[in-house]
Amino acid sequence: MQHPPEISLPPSSGSLSGWLSFVLRIAATFALMAVVLWGIKWPKFFALLEHCDWGWWFAGLAISVFVQVLAGIRWAALARPIGFPFSTKTFVWRFFEGQFFSLCLPSSIGGDVVKAYRLADSTSGRLLAGCTVLADRLTGLSALGVLAGTALISKECALGVSATLAVGAALLGAAVAAFWLGVGSLDHVLAIIPKRYAARHFIAQLLPYKLRPSLMTRAIGWSLLVQIGGSVAVALIARAIGVVLPMPVWFTVVPLVALAMVLPISINGVGVREGGLVFLLQPAGVSMDAAVAIGLLWFLSTILTGLIGGVLFLLDRKPSVALMSDTRLTEPA
């Protein structure tokens, strides 16, 4: 990451739009939380928190931490084969650091930038690291879609276990095929996009995976484990306040809420998380008070998980040194 020259310049339109976006997201965060909190019954809400079984909450927190470890392993599976010969511990360490900065900065993109910056020590290395972070994000989002889609179809069609597994396998196969087709046609896509468009740079970051498409397939498998673990963690957190629902409900609700939180609407998904839970859990008979309590307890576990990354960053502030090798990119998949 290059430092800007130390001269005074008038604010650019880009910086102004960035600040405007930040201010709007803060306003949206407060507005969403105001709407969510307006309808809850405070005595019942505080009673839920007062009688919270923290044993179940800590179990959910433990699963959340384990899920971050799995996500770090997924990132390693994407990054090591294309030029980052680090141990799994290094990737898990850097992944936790990224979670911390995603928590501190207005957008989760800030955490992604930190991960790329910390993984390499040169401009070219950090660009390639950014490619791995982007691929990691995309495989995670695809797994969210597969899990949520499977659960929704199963619920709407009242499918049995075998039929549900078949639907899940079909959606997973479609996601894998889409990645293989998309990565394989990157050259053609880039050829028709003018250089002045930001989308061209975004897509170009995935070029290293054109030669190694199988890496994306494995990463989707890891992503499914990550998303299933995340749903289990929220189910345990909900159990802490006495909300017990079948796991298929959580396999639908948690991925959909997580997808909504990806949108740049609020800071750290605050308000989106709670509002989404209120809307999606209402058909299951969960009161607004309980849904908001689940959302806040979920956010608390997210904060503590992120703080682990802050501690790790303080213990090791030096960026990793990547031994880049162009020959790695030409190895067969």
Protein backbone atom coordinates (compact mmCIF):
# COMPACT_ATOMS: atom_id res chain seq x y z
CA MET A 1 0.00 0.00 0.00
CA GLN A 2 1.55 3.30 -1.12
CA HIS A 3 1.43 6.35 1.14
CA PRO A 4 0.07 9.56 -0.42
CA PRO A 5 2.48 12.46 -0.92
CA GLU A 6 2.64 14.88 1.99
CA ILE A 7 1.18 17.94 0.28
CA SER A 8 -2.03 19.83 0.83
CA LEU A 9 -4.66 19.34 -1.81
CA PRO A 10 -8.29 20.38 -1.94
CA PRO A 11 -10.64 17.52 -1.16
CA SER A 12 -11.49 15.50 -4.21
CA SER A 13 -14.99 14.53 -5.19
CA GLY A 14 -14.04 10.93 -4.37
CA SER A 15 -13.10 11.79 -0.80
CA LEU A 16 -16.24 13.89 -0.39
CA SER A 17 -18.43 11.07 -1.67
CA GLY A 18 -16.63 8.71 0.70
CA TRP A 19 -17.38 10.93 3.69
CA LEU A 20 -20.97 11.39 2.52
CA SER A 21 -21.39 7.64 2.25
CA PHE A 22 -19.97 7.22 5.76
CA VAL A 23 -22.31 9.84 7.22
CA LEU A 24 -25.30 8.29 5.45
CA ARG A 25 -24.41 4.86 6.82
CA ILE A 26 -24.21 6.25 10.36
CA ALA A 27 -27.60 7.89 9.87
CA ALA A 28 -29.02 4.64 8.47
CA THR A 29 -27.63 2.71 11.44
CA PHE A 30 -29.36 4.97 13.96
CA ALA A 31 -32.57 5.03 11.92
CA LEU A 32 -32.74 1.25 11.60
CA MET A 33 -32.07 0.70 15.30
CA ALA A 34 -34.68 3.33 16.20
CA VAL A 35 -37.27 1.51 14.10
CA VAL A 36 -36.33 -1.87 15.59
CA LEU A 37 -36.28 -0.67 19.19
CA TRP A 38 -39.46 1.38 18.86
CA GLY A 39 -41.74 -1.66 18.87
CA ILE A 40 -40.20 -3.79 21.60
CA LYS A 41 -41.64 -4.17 25.08
CA TRP A 42 -38.80 -3.08 27.33
CA PRO A 43 -39.76 -5.01 30.50
CA LYS A 44 -39.97 -8.27 28.54
CA PHE A 45 -36.78 -7.45 26.64
CA PHE A 46 -34.76 -6.83 29.81
CA ALA A 47 -36.28 -9.93 31.41
CA LEU A 48 -34.98 -12.02 28.51
CA LEU A 49 -31.47 -10.65 28.96
CA GLU A 50 -31.65 -10.97 32.74
CA HIS A 51 -32.51 -14.67 32.54
CA CYS A 52 -30.06 -15.38 29.72
CA ASP A 53 -28.32 -18.74 30.10
CA TRP A 54 -24.77 -17.60 29.41
CA GLY A 55 -23.57 -21.19 29.10
CA TRP A 56 -25.42 -21.52 25.80
CA TRP A 57 -24.17 -18.10 24.72
CA PHE A 58 -20.55 -19.06 25.41
CA ALA A 59 -21.13 -22.27 23.45
CA GLY A 60 -22.27 -20.12 20.51
CA LEU A 61 -19.22 -17.89 20.96
CA ALA A 62 -16.93 -20.93 20.90
CA ILE A 63 -18.52 -22.12 17.66
CA SER A 64 -18.12 -18.61 16.21
CA VAL A 65 -14.40 -18.64 17.01
CA PHE A 66 -14.06 -22.12 15.49
CA VAL A 67 -15.86 -20.89 12.37
CA GLN A 68 -13.27 -18.12 11.97
CA VAL A 69 -10.53 -20.74 12.17
CA LEU A 70 -12.25 -22.69 9.38
CA ALA A 71 -12.51 -19.48 7.34
CA GLY A 72 -8.78 -18.93 7.79
CA ILE A 73 -8.13 -22.47 6.52
CA ARG A 74 -10.34 -21.73 3.51
CA TRP A 75 -8.30 -18.62 2.76
CA ALA A 76 -5.09 -20.66 3.02
CA ALA A 77 -6.50 -23.14 0.50
CA LEU A 78 -7.01 -20.27 -1.95
CA ALA A 79 -3.76 -18.39 -1.31
CA ARG A 80 -1.01 -20.97 -0.81
CA PRO A 81 -1.18 -22.58 -4.27
CA ILE A 82 -0.79 -19.23 -6.07
CA GLY A 83 2.27 -17.91 -4.27
CA PHE A 84 1.83 -17.48 -0.50
CA PRO A 85 3.79 -20.31 1.15
CA PHE A 86 2.74 -19.66 4.74
CA SER A 87 1.51 -21.99 7.44
CA THR A 88 -2.18 -22.41 8.15
CA LYS A 89 -1.57 -20.67 11.47
CA THR A 90 -0.44 -17.52 9.62
CA PHE A 91 -3.61 -17.38 7.54
CA VAL A 92 -5.85 -17.98 10.55
CA TRP A 93 -3.93 -15.27 12.45
CA ARG A 94 -4.31 -12.76 9.61
CA PHE A 95 -7.97 -13.66 9.16
CA PHE A 96 -8.72 -12.84 12.79
CA GLU A 97 -6.87 -9.53 12.35
CA GLY A 98 -9.08 -8.75 9.37
CA GLN A 99 -12.17 -9.44 11.46
CA PHE A 100 -10.94 -6.97 14.06
CA PHE A 101 -10.43 -4.19 11.52
CA SER A 102 -13.77 -4.96 9.87
CA LEU A 103 -15.27 -4.34 13.29
CA CYS A 104 -13.38 -1.07 13.83
CA LEU A 105 -13.71 0.41 10.34
CA PRO A 106 -16.97 1.61 8.75
CA SER A 107 -16.96 -1.18 6.17
CA SER A 108 -15.89 -4.82 6.12
CA ILE A 109 -13.84 -3.89 3.04
CA GLY A 110 -11.39 -2.22 5.42
CA GLY A 111 -10.73 -5.57 7.03
CA ASP A 112 -10.14 -7.13 3.61
CA VAL A 113 -7.60 -4.42 2.75
CA VAL A 114 -5.78 -5.04 6.02
CA LYS A 115 -5.62 -8.78 5.34
CA ALA A 116 -4.07 -8.20 1.91
CA TYR A 117 -1.66 -5.60 3.31
CA ARG A 118 -0.54 -7.89 6.12
CA LEU A 119 -0.07 -10.95 3.95
CA ALA A 120 2.50 -9.41 1.59
CA ASP A 121 5.19 -6.72 1.69
CA SER A 122 5.20 -5.41 -1.88
CA THR A 123 2.69 -3.73 -4.17
CA SER A 124 2.50 -6.70 -6.54
CA GLY A 125 2.27 -9.10 -3.63
CA ARG A 126 -0.57 -7.15 -2.06
CA LEU A 127 -2.46 -7.04 -5.35
CA LEU A 128 -2.23 -10.83 -5.54
CA ALA A 129 -3.21 -11.08 -1.87
CA GLY A 130 -6.23 -8.92 -2.68
CA CYS A 131 -7.13 -11.46 -5.35
CA THR A 132 -7.19 -14.23 -2.73
CA VAL A 133 -9.31 -12.12 -0.38
CA LEU A 134 -11.80 -11.38 -3.15
CA ALA A 135 -12.00 -15.06 -4.10
CA ASP A 136 -12.50 -15.91 -0.44
CA ARG A 137 -15.40 -13.45 -0.23
CA LEU A 138 -17.07 -14.77 -3.39
CA THR A 139 -16.90 -18.42 -2.33
CA GLY A 140 -18.33 -17.46 1.05
CA LEU A 141 -21.25 -15.64 -0.56
CA SER A 142 -21.94 -18.57 -2.89
CA ALA A 143 -22.09 -20.95 0.08
CA LEU A 144 -24.53 -18.60 1.81
CA GLY A 145 -26.75 -18.77 -1.25
CA VAL A 146 -26.56 -22.57 -1.46
CA LEU A 147 -27.41 -23.05 2.22
CA ALA A 148 -30.24 -20.49 2.28
CA GLY A 149 -31.65 -21.72 -1.04
CA THR A 150 -31.65 -25.34 0.09
CA ALA A 151 -33.36 -24.52 3.37
CA LEU A 152 -35.98 -22.30 1.71
CA ILE A 153 -36.87 -24.86 -0.97
CA SER A 154 -37.01 -27.63 1.62
CA LYS A 155 -39.35 -25.59 3.81
CA GLU A 156 -41.65 -24.38 1.03
CA CYS A 157 -41.94 -27.82 -0.56
CA ALA A 158 -41.96 -29.80 2.72
CA LEU A 159 -39.14 -32.03 1.48
CA GLY A 160 -37.73 -34.99 3.34
CA VAL A 161 -34.07 -35.45 4.24
CA SER A 162 -33.13 -37.24 1.01
CA ALA A 163 -34.87 -34.71 -1.21
CA THR A 164 -33.33 -31.81 0.74
CA LEU A 165 -29.84 -33.28 0.30
CA ALA A 166 -30.53 -33.70 -3.42
CA VAL A 167 -31.59 -30.05 -3.72
CA GLY A 168 -28.49 -28.97 -1.80
CA ALA A 169 -26.26 -31.06 -4.05
CA ALA A 170 -27.90 -29.57 -7.15
CA LEU A 171 -27.44 -26.00 -5.92
CA LEU A 172 -23.86 -26.74 -4.91
CA GLY A 173 -23.17 -28.22 -8.34
CA ALA A 174 -24.68 -25.14 -9.97
CA ALA A 175 -22.48 -22.85 -7.85
CA VAL A 176 -19.34 -24.82 -8.71
CA ALA A 177 -20.25 -24.86 -12.41
CA ALA A 178 -20.87 -21.11 -12.34
CA PHE A 179 -17.44 -20.50 -10.82
CA TRP A 180 -15.69 -22.75 -13.34
CA LEU A 181 -17.52 -21.12 -16.24
CA GLY A 182 -16.97 -17.60 -14.90
CA VAL A 183 -13.28 -18.05 -14.12
CA GLY A 184 -12.69 -19.81 -17.43
CA SER A 185 -14.17 -16.92 -19.42
CA LEU A 186 -12.42 -14.06 -17.59
CA ASP A 187 -10.29 -13.18 -20.62
CA HIS A 188 -13.37 -12.76 -22.81
CA VAL A 189 -15.14 -10.68 -20.17
CA LEU A 190 -12.15 -8.36 -19.72
CA ALA A 191 -11.84 -7.94 -23.48
CA ILE A 192 -15.28 -6.36 -23.75
CA ILE A 193 -15.05 -4.08 -20.68
CA PRO A 194 -13.36 -0.70 -21.31
CA LYS A 195 -10.31 0.01 -19.15
CA ARG A 196 -11.89 3.08 -17.59
CA TYR A 197 -14.52 1.02 -15.74
CA ALA A 198 -13.80 -0.04 -12.15
CA ALA A 199 -15.50 -3.39 -12.78
CA ARG A 200 -12.63 -4.34 -15.09
CA HIS A 201 -10.06 -4.01 -12.31
CA PHE A 202 -12.37 -5.91 -9.95
CA ILE A 203 -12.72 -8.85 -12.35
CA ALA A 204 -9.03 -8.82 -13.30
CA GLN A 205 -8.13 -9.68 -9.70
CA LEU A 206 -9.52 -13.18 -10.25
CA LEU A 207 -7.24 -13.97 -13.21
CA PRO A 208 -4.80 -16.15 -11.18
CA TYR A 209 -7.65 -18.62 -10.62
CA LYS A 210 -8.20 -19.07 -14.35
CA LEU A 211 -5.23 -21.46 -14.25
CA ARG A 212 -6.35 -23.11 -10.98
CA PRO A 213 -10.18 -23.33 -11.05
CA SER A 214 -10.21 -26.37 -8.76
CA LEU A 215 -9.10 -24.10 -5.90
CA MET A 216 -12.46 -22.35 -6.00
CA THR A 217 -14.29 -25.68 -5.77
CA ARG A 218 -12.44 -26.65 -2.60
CA ALA A 219 -13.01 -23.21 -1.12
CA ILE A 220 -16.78 -23.52 -1.66
CA GLY A 221 -16.66 -26.77 0.32
CA TRP A 222 -14.91 -25.01 3.19
CA SER A 223 -17.40 -22.15 2.90
CA LEU A 224 -20.34 -24.51 3.40
CA LEU A 225 -18.79 -25.71 6.66
CA VAL A 226 -18.26 -22.08 7.69
CA GLN A 227 -21.87 -21.10 6.98
CA ILE A 228 -23.31 -24.19 8.67
CA GLY A 229 -21.15 -23.44 11.71
CA GLY A 230 -22.34 -19.84 11.74
CA SER A 231 -25.97 -20.95 11.73
CA VAL A 232 -25.33 -23.39 14.59
CA ALA A 233 -23.64 -20.60 16.59
CA VAL A 234 -26.68 -18.31 16.27
CA ALA A 235 -29.02 -21.20 17.16
CA LEU A 236 -27.05 -21.72 20.39
CA ILE A 237 -27.13 -17.99 21.15
CA ALA A 238 -30.91 -18.01 20.66
CA ARG A 239 -31.22 -20.98 22.99
CA ALA A 240 -29.58 -18.85 25.69
CA ILE A 241 -32.80 -16.80 25.94
CA GLY A 242 -35.10 -19.79 25.54
CA VAL A 243 -35.71 -19.64 21.78
CA VAL A 244 -35.46 -23.20 20.45
CA LEU A 245 -36.22 -23.75 16.77
CA PRO A 246 -35.45 -26.57 14.29
CA MET A 247 -32.05 -26.18 12.62
CA PRO A 248 -33.58 -25.83 9.11
CA VAL A 249 -35.08 -22.53 10.31
CA TRP A 250 -31.64 -21.24 11.27
CA PHE A 251 -30.12 -22.54 8.02
CA THR A 252 -32.60 -20.25 6.27
CA VAL A 253 -32.61 -17.23 8.57
CA VAL A 254 -28.89 -16.81 9.35
CA PRO A 255 -27.63 -16.92 5.72
CA LEU A 256 -30.36 -14.50 4.59
CA VAL A 257 -29.52 -12.06 7.38
CA ALA A 258 -25.81 -12.45 6.61
CA LEU A 259 -26.47 -11.68 2.93
CA ALA A 260 -28.43 -8.57 3.91
CA MET A 261 -25.57 -7.44 6.15
CA VAL A 262 -23.19 -7.55 3.17
CA LEU A 263 -25.07 -4.59 1.67
CA PRO A 264 -23.42 -1.24 2.55
CA ILE A 265 -26.42 0.05 4.48
CA SER A 266 -25.31 0.39 8.10
CA ILE A 267 -22.16 0.17 10.22
CA ASN A 268 -21.25 -3.46 10.97
CA GLY A 269 -24.75 -4.54 9.97
CA VAL A 270 -26.25 -2.93 13.10
CA GLY A 271 -29.98 -2.57 12.60
CA VAL A 272 -29.96 -4.79 9.51
CA ARG A 273 -29.13 -7.83 11.67
CA GLU A 274 -31.81 -7.10 14.25
CA GLY A 275 -34.46 -6.03 11.74
CA GLY A 276 -33.78 -9.07 9.58
CA LEU A 277 -34.19 -11.41 12.54
CA VAL A 278 -37.46 -9.73 13.54
CA PHE A 279 -38.85 -10.14 10.01
CA LEU A 280 -37.62 -13.69 9.36
CA LEU A 281 -38.29 -15.19 12.79
CA GLN A 282 -41.83 -13.84 13.12
CA PRO A 283 -43.36 -16.70 11.06
CA ALA A 284 -41.67 -19.15 13.46
CA GLY A 285 -43.48 -17.54 16.39
CA VAL A 286 -40.53 -15.59 17.80
CA SER A 287 -41.53 -12.29 19.41
CA MET A 288 -39.97 -9.00 18.39
CA ASP A 289 -38.35 -8.66 21.82
CA ALA A 290 -36.69 -12.07 21.55
CA ALA A 291 -35.55 -11.48 17.95
CA VAL A 292 -33.89 -8.17 18.86
CA ALA A 293 -32.26 -9.79 21.91
CA ILE A 294 -30.87 -12.57 19.70
CA GLY A 295 -29.50 -9.96 17.30
CA LEU A 296 -27.74 -8.01 20.05
CA LEU A 297 -26.30 -11.17 21.63
CA TRP A 298 -25.11 -12.25 18.17
CA PHE A 299 -23.45 -8.86 17.70
CA LEU A 300 -21.80 -9.19 21.12
CA SER A 301 -20.25 -12.50 20.07
CA THR A 302 -19.07 -10.83 16.84
CA ILE A 303 -17.39 -8.07 18.86
CA LEU A 304 -15.58 -10.51 21.15
CA THR A 305 -14.47 -12.65 18.20
CA GLY A 306 -13.13 -9.52 16.51
CA LEU A 307 -11.26 -8.47 19.66
CA ILE A 308 -9.28 -11.70 19.43
CA GLY A 309 -7.91 -10.35 16.15
CA GLY A 310 -7.00 -7.08 17.87
CA VAL A 311 -4.95 -8.95 20.46
CA LEU A 312 -3.22 -10.98 17.73
CA PHE A 313 -2.41 -7.77 15.83
CA LEU A 314 -0.77 -6.28 18.92
CA LEU A 315 1.29 -9.43 19.37
CA ASP A 316 2.60 -9.35 15.79
CA ARG A 317 2.50 -6.07 13.85
CA LYS A 318 4.96 -7.07 11.13
CA PRO A 319 3.48 -7.99 7.74
CA SER A 320 4.14 -11.46 6.40
CA VAL A 321 6.95 -11.82 3.87
CA ALA A 322 5.68 -13.67 0.80
CA LEU A 323 8.16 -15.63 -1.31
CA MET A 324 6.48 -14.97 -4.61
CA SER A 325 7.11 -17.36 -7.47
CA ASP A 326 5.70 -16.88 -10.93
CA THR A 327 6.16 -20.57 -11.66
CA ARG A 328 3.45 -21.42 -9.15
CA LEU A 329 0.88 -19.81 -11.40
CA THR A 330 1.65 -22.18 -14.25
CA GLU A 331 1.29 -25.42 -12.29
CA PRO A 332 -1.57 -27.62 -13.51
CA ALA A 333 -4.80 -27.65 -11.50
